[in-house]
Protein backbone atom coordinates (compact mmCIF):
# COMPACT_ATOMS: atom_id res chain seq x y z
CA MET A 1 19.20 -66.67 -67.88
CA PRO A 2 19.47 -67.45 -71.62
CA LEU A 3 19.88 -64.41 -73.86
CA HIS A 4 16.60 -65.02 -75.71
CA ALA A 5 14.77 -65.12 -72.37
CA VAL A 6 16.26 -61.75 -71.37
CA TYR A 7 15.09 -60.20 -74.64
CA ALA A 8 11.62 -61.71 -74.21
CA ARG A 9 11.36 -60.33 -70.69
CA ARG A 10 12.46 -56.84 -71.83
CA LEU A 11 9.87 -56.88 -74.63
CA ALA A 12 7.16 -57.84 -72.16
CA VAL A 13 8.11 -54.97 -69.83
CA LEU A 14 8.14 -52.51 -72.73
CA ALA A 15 4.74 -53.71 -73.91
CA THR A 16 3.28 -53.35 -70.44
CA SER A 17 4.72 -49.84 -70.09
CA ALA A 18 3.29 -48.82 -73.45
CA ALA A 19 -0.12 -50.19 -72.52
CA LEU A 20 -0.10 -48.30 -69.23
CA ALA A 21 0.96 -45.09 -70.98
CA LEU A 22 -1.83 -45.49 -73.51
CA THR A 23 -4.36 -46.10 -70.76
CA GLY A 24 -3.22 -42.94 -69.01
CA ALA A 25 -3.48 -40.94 -72.22
CA LEU A 26 -7.00 -42.20 -72.83
CA ALA A 27 -8.02 -41.37 -69.30
CA THR A 28 -6.84 -37.78 -69.58
CA ALA A 29 -7.82 -37.13 -73.21
CA PRO A 30 -10.59 -34.55 -73.64
CA THR A 31 -14.03 -35.93 -74.29
CA ALA A 32 -15.04 -35.66 -77.93
CA GLN A 33 -17.75 -33.09 -78.50
CA ALA A 34 -21.17 -34.58 -79.00
CA ALA A 35 -23.92 -32.88 -80.94
CA MET A 36 -27.60 -32.96 -81.68
CA PRO A 37 -28.81 -36.01 -83.66
CA THR A 38 -27.53 -35.88 -87.23
CA PRO A 39 -30.24 -34.62 -89.58
CA VAL A 40 -31.16 -36.40 -92.79
CA SER A 41 -28.97 -35.90 -95.85
CA ALA A 42 -29.54 -33.00 -98.23
CA ALA A 43 -31.02 -35.39 -100.80
CA THR A 44 -33.48 -36.81 -98.27
CA ALA A 45 -34.26 -33.31 -97.01
CA ARG A 46 -35.14 -32.25 -100.57
CA THR A 47 -37.51 -35.23 -100.80
CA TYR A 48 -39.05 -34.39 -97.42
CA LEU A 49 -39.43 -30.74 -98.36
CA ALA A 50 -41.29 -31.64 -101.54
CA ALA A 51 -43.74 -33.64 -99.44
CA LEU A 52 -44.49 -30.88 -96.92
CA THR A 53 -47.78 -29.00 -97.12
CA VAL A 54 -47.26 -25.46 -98.41
CA GLN A 55 -49.66 -22.90 -96.98
CA ALA A 56 -49.72 -19.46 -95.44
CA GLU A 57 -48.67 -19.39 -91.79
CA GLY A 58 -51.46 -19.49 -89.27
CA SER A 59 -52.06 -16.92 -86.57
CA THR A 60 -50.25 -16.73 -83.24
CA SER A 61 -53.62 -16.11 -81.59
CA GLY A 62 -53.83 -18.17 -78.44
CA TYR A 63 -50.12 -19.02 -78.47
CA SER A 64 -48.16 -19.25 -75.24
CA ARG A 65 -44.86 -20.97 -74.47
CA SER A 66 -46.61 -22.53 -71.48
CA LEU A 67 -48.64 -24.60 -73.95
CA PHE A 68 -45.37 -26.41 -74.80
CA PRO A 69 -44.28 -27.62 -71.31
CA HIS A 70 -40.49 -27.59 -70.97
CA TRP A 71 -37.99 -28.33 -69.64
CA ILE A 72 -39.19 -31.73 -68.40
CA THR A 73 -37.16 -34.26 -66.39
CA GLN A 74 -35.25 -36.64 -68.65
CA SER A 75 -33.40 -38.82 -66.13
CA GLY A 76 -32.57 -38.55 -62.45
CA THR A 77 -32.26 -34.86 -61.60
CA CYS A 78 -31.53 -33.84 -65.21
CA ASN A 79 -34.08 -31.90 -67.24
CA THR A 80 -33.99 -31.40 -71.00
CA ARG A 81 -31.84 -28.25 -70.90
CA GLU A 82 -29.25 -29.87 -68.66
CA THR A 83 -29.25 -33.01 -70.79
CA VAL A 84 -28.52 -31.00 -73.95
CA LEU A 85 -25.77 -29.01 -72.22
CA LYS A 86 -24.08 -32.26 -71.17
CA ARG A 87 -24.51 -33.70 -74.66
CA ASP A 88 -23.27 -30.70 -76.62
CA GLY A 89 -20.33 -29.71 -74.43
CA VAL A 90 -16.78 -30.90 -73.85
CA ASN A 91 -15.58 -32.03 -70.42
CA VAL A 92 -18.86 -30.97 -68.83
CA VAL A 93 -18.97 -31.35 -65.05
CA THR A 94 -22.34 -31.27 -63.29
CA ASP A 95 -23.31 -30.95 -59.64
CA ALA A 96 -25.78 -33.08 -57.69
CA ALA A 97 -28.68 -31.13 -59.19
CA CYS A 98 -27.34 -31.80 -62.73
CA ALA A 99 -26.42 -28.13 -63.28
CA SER A 100 -23.31 -27.70 -65.44
CA VAL A 101 -20.60 -26.13 -63.27
CA SER A 102 -17.79 -26.30 -65.83
CA GLY A 103 -17.12 -27.31 -69.40
CA SER A 104 -16.73 -25.85 -72.87
CA TRP A 105 -19.38 -25.30 -75.52
CA TYR A 106 -18.99 -24.41 -79.20
CA SER A 107 -21.95 -22.55 -80.67
CA GLU A 108 -22.51 -23.83 -84.21
CA TYR A 109 -24.56 -20.79 -85.22
CA ASP A 110 -21.84 -18.17 -84.71
CA GLY A 111 -18.60 -20.08 -84.02
CA ALA A 112 -18.23 -18.76 -80.46
CA THR A 113 -16.88 -20.90 -77.62
CA TRP A 114 -18.20 -20.51 -74.07
CA THR A 115 -17.11 -21.88 -70.70
CA ALA A 116 -20.16 -20.82 -68.66
CA ALA A 117 -23.47 -22.59 -69.16
CA SER A 118 -25.25 -19.31 -68.44
CA ASP A 119 -23.98 -18.00 -71.80
CA LEU A 120 -25.96 -20.64 -73.67
CA ASP A 121 -29.57 -21.10 -74.63
CA ILE A 122 -31.07 -24.36 -75.84
CA ASP A 123 -32.53 -23.42 -79.21
CA HIS A 124 -35.60 -25.12 -80.59
CA MET A 125 -34.53 -25.62 -84.19
CA VAL A 126 -38.15 -25.12 -85.24
CA PRO A 127 -39.29 -22.49 -82.72
CA LEU A 128 -42.36 -23.14 -80.62
CA ALA A 129 -44.30 -20.18 -82.05
CA GLU A 130 -43.34 -21.24 -85.59
CA ALA A 131 -44.64 -24.73 -84.85
CA TRP A 132 -47.86 -23.22 -83.49
CA ARG A 133 -48.39 -21.29 -86.73
CA SER A 134 -47.53 -24.38 -88.78
CA GLY A 135 -49.91 -26.90 -87.24
CA ALA A 136 -49.13 -27.33 -83.54
CA ALA A 137 -52.06 -25.13 -82.54
CA SER A 138 -54.27 -28.18 -83.06
CA TRP A 139 -52.05 -30.57 -81.09
CA THR A 140 -52.68 -31.88 -77.60
CA THR A 141 -50.57 -30.56 -74.74
CA ALA A 142 -48.84 -33.94 -74.60
CA GLN A 143 -47.82 -33.63 -78.26
CA ARG A 144 -46.53 -30.11 -77.73
CA GLN A 145 -44.55 -31.25 -74.68
CA SER A 146 -42.93 -34.03 -76.73
CA PHE A 147 -42.05 -31.55 -79.46
CA ALA A 148 -40.55 -29.02 -77.03
CA ASN A 149 -38.35 -31.67 -75.40
CA ASP A 150 -37.51 -33.77 -78.47
CA LEU A 151 -34.01 -35.25 -78.04
CA THR A 152 -34.44 -37.83 -80.80
CA ARG A 153 -34.78 -35.45 -83.74
CA PRO A 154 -32.32 -32.59 -84.52
CA GLN A 155 -34.61 -30.14 -82.71
CA LEU A 156 -32.52 -28.99 -79.72
CA ILE A 157 -29.03 -27.47 -79.74
CA ALA A 158 -26.94 -25.41 -77.31
CA VAL A 159 -26.00 -22.04 -78.85
CA THR A 160 -24.96 -18.53 -77.82
CA ASP A 161 -27.85 -17.04 -75.87
CA ASN A 162 -28.12 -13.69 -77.64
CA VAL A 163 -27.90 -15.39 -81.05
CA ASN A 164 -30.82 -17.59 -80.11
CA GLN A 165 -32.72 -14.54 -78.92
CA ALA A 166 -32.01 -12.76 -82.22
CA LYS A 167 -33.42 -15.77 -84.08
CA GLY A 168 -36.57 -15.66 -81.97
CA ASP A 169 -39.40 -17.42 -83.78
CA LEU A 170 -38.16 -16.63 -87.30
CA ASP A 171 -38.12 -19.22 -90.07
CA PRO A 172 -35.23 -19.60 -92.58
CA ALA A 173 -36.76 -17.04 -94.94
CA LYS A 174 -36.02 -14.43 -92.27
CA TRP A 175 -33.09 -15.90 -90.32
CA LEU A 176 -30.16 -18.24 -90.97
CA PRO A 177 -27.01 -18.80 -88.87
CA SER A 178 -24.30 -16.20 -89.49
CA ARG A 179 -21.80 -19.06 -89.73
CA THR A 180 -22.43 -20.04 -93.35
CA ALA A 181 -20.62 -23.39 -92.96
CA TYR A 182 -23.48 -24.55 -90.76
CA ARG A 183 -26.37 -23.49 -92.96
CA CYS A 184 -26.67 -26.80 -94.81
CA THR A 185 -26.90 -28.68 -91.53
CA TYR A 186 -29.37 -26.10 -90.23
CA VAL A 187 -31.83 -26.40 -93.09
CA ARG A 188 -31.49 -30.20 -93.20
CA ALA A 189 -32.40 -30.25 -89.50
CA TRP A 190 -35.27 -27.79 -90.02
CA VAL A 191 -36.83 -29.90 -92.77
CA ASP A 192 -36.19 -33.13 -90.84
CA VAL A 193 -38.09 -31.79 -87.82
CA LYS A 194 -40.96 -30.29 -89.83
CA HIS A 195 -41.38 -33.53 -91.78
CA TYR A 196 -41.40 -35.75 -88.69
CA TRP A 197 -43.90 -33.54 -86.88
CA ASN A 198 -46.04 -33.00 -90.00
CA LEU A 199 -45.76 -29.21 -89.90
CA SER A 200 -46.43 -27.01 -92.92
CA VAL A 201 -44.14 -24.51 -94.63
CA ASP A 202 -45.03 -21.19 -96.24
CA ALA A 203 -43.96 -20.33 -99.79
CA ALA A 204 -41.07 -18.00 -98.83
CA GLU A 205 -39.76 -20.47 -96.27
CA LYS A 206 -39.83 -23.32 -98.80
CA SER A 207 -38.04 -21.22 -101.41
CA VAL A 208 -35.11 -20.44 -99.09
CA LEU A 209 -34.92 -24.04 -97.89
CA GLN A 210 -34.77 -25.25 -101.50
CA THR A 211 -32.07 -22.73 -102.39
CA VAL A 212 -29.83 -23.68 -99.47
CA LEU A 213 -30.37 -27.42 -99.94
CA ASN A 214 -29.56 -27.17 -103.66
CA GLY A 215 -26.19 -25.67 -102.70
CA CYS A 216 -25.34 -28.42 -100.20
């Protein structure tokens, strides 16, 4: 066999080996972490905030979480909670019922990492009771269901359960994530959701939102 043919054959073998090695690496590489939909930019959020109605919060009279039906089925056997867990985690494995049986989740609010889905809550960025006091009391049940299961806006995120419980139904004037690096994203998401759903803000809430956004 001519010398140039030998070299050509060796190069082909090396190229094939490299391609196979790369394929193997891609197959075993960890899945990149997904996240909730990216909120609008700080500049857009400032514009949205200026357009929101400012008024005192309404009453929680008549409020019940059951008036915001969740978690609804999103696809197959997966409901909204399970869909967000799969979206926000790394290497998430689910069983036939779509329950997450393994994986890893990073909680943006406090910087904690969890490997058990039971350690996570799905936070409503704008809490249901806050929405009720800001305009959702007049919505139909169908509208409230859409809001409570909204995967299109930055409204749902998997976070440490007790952190979510500490947040409760508080707005940014009373609660912000302890992880300061996430606060810009948090308030951008808050304003994005309130603007889309045409919810009002109170004066204290707007002041804190403006302050954080101006520092982004």
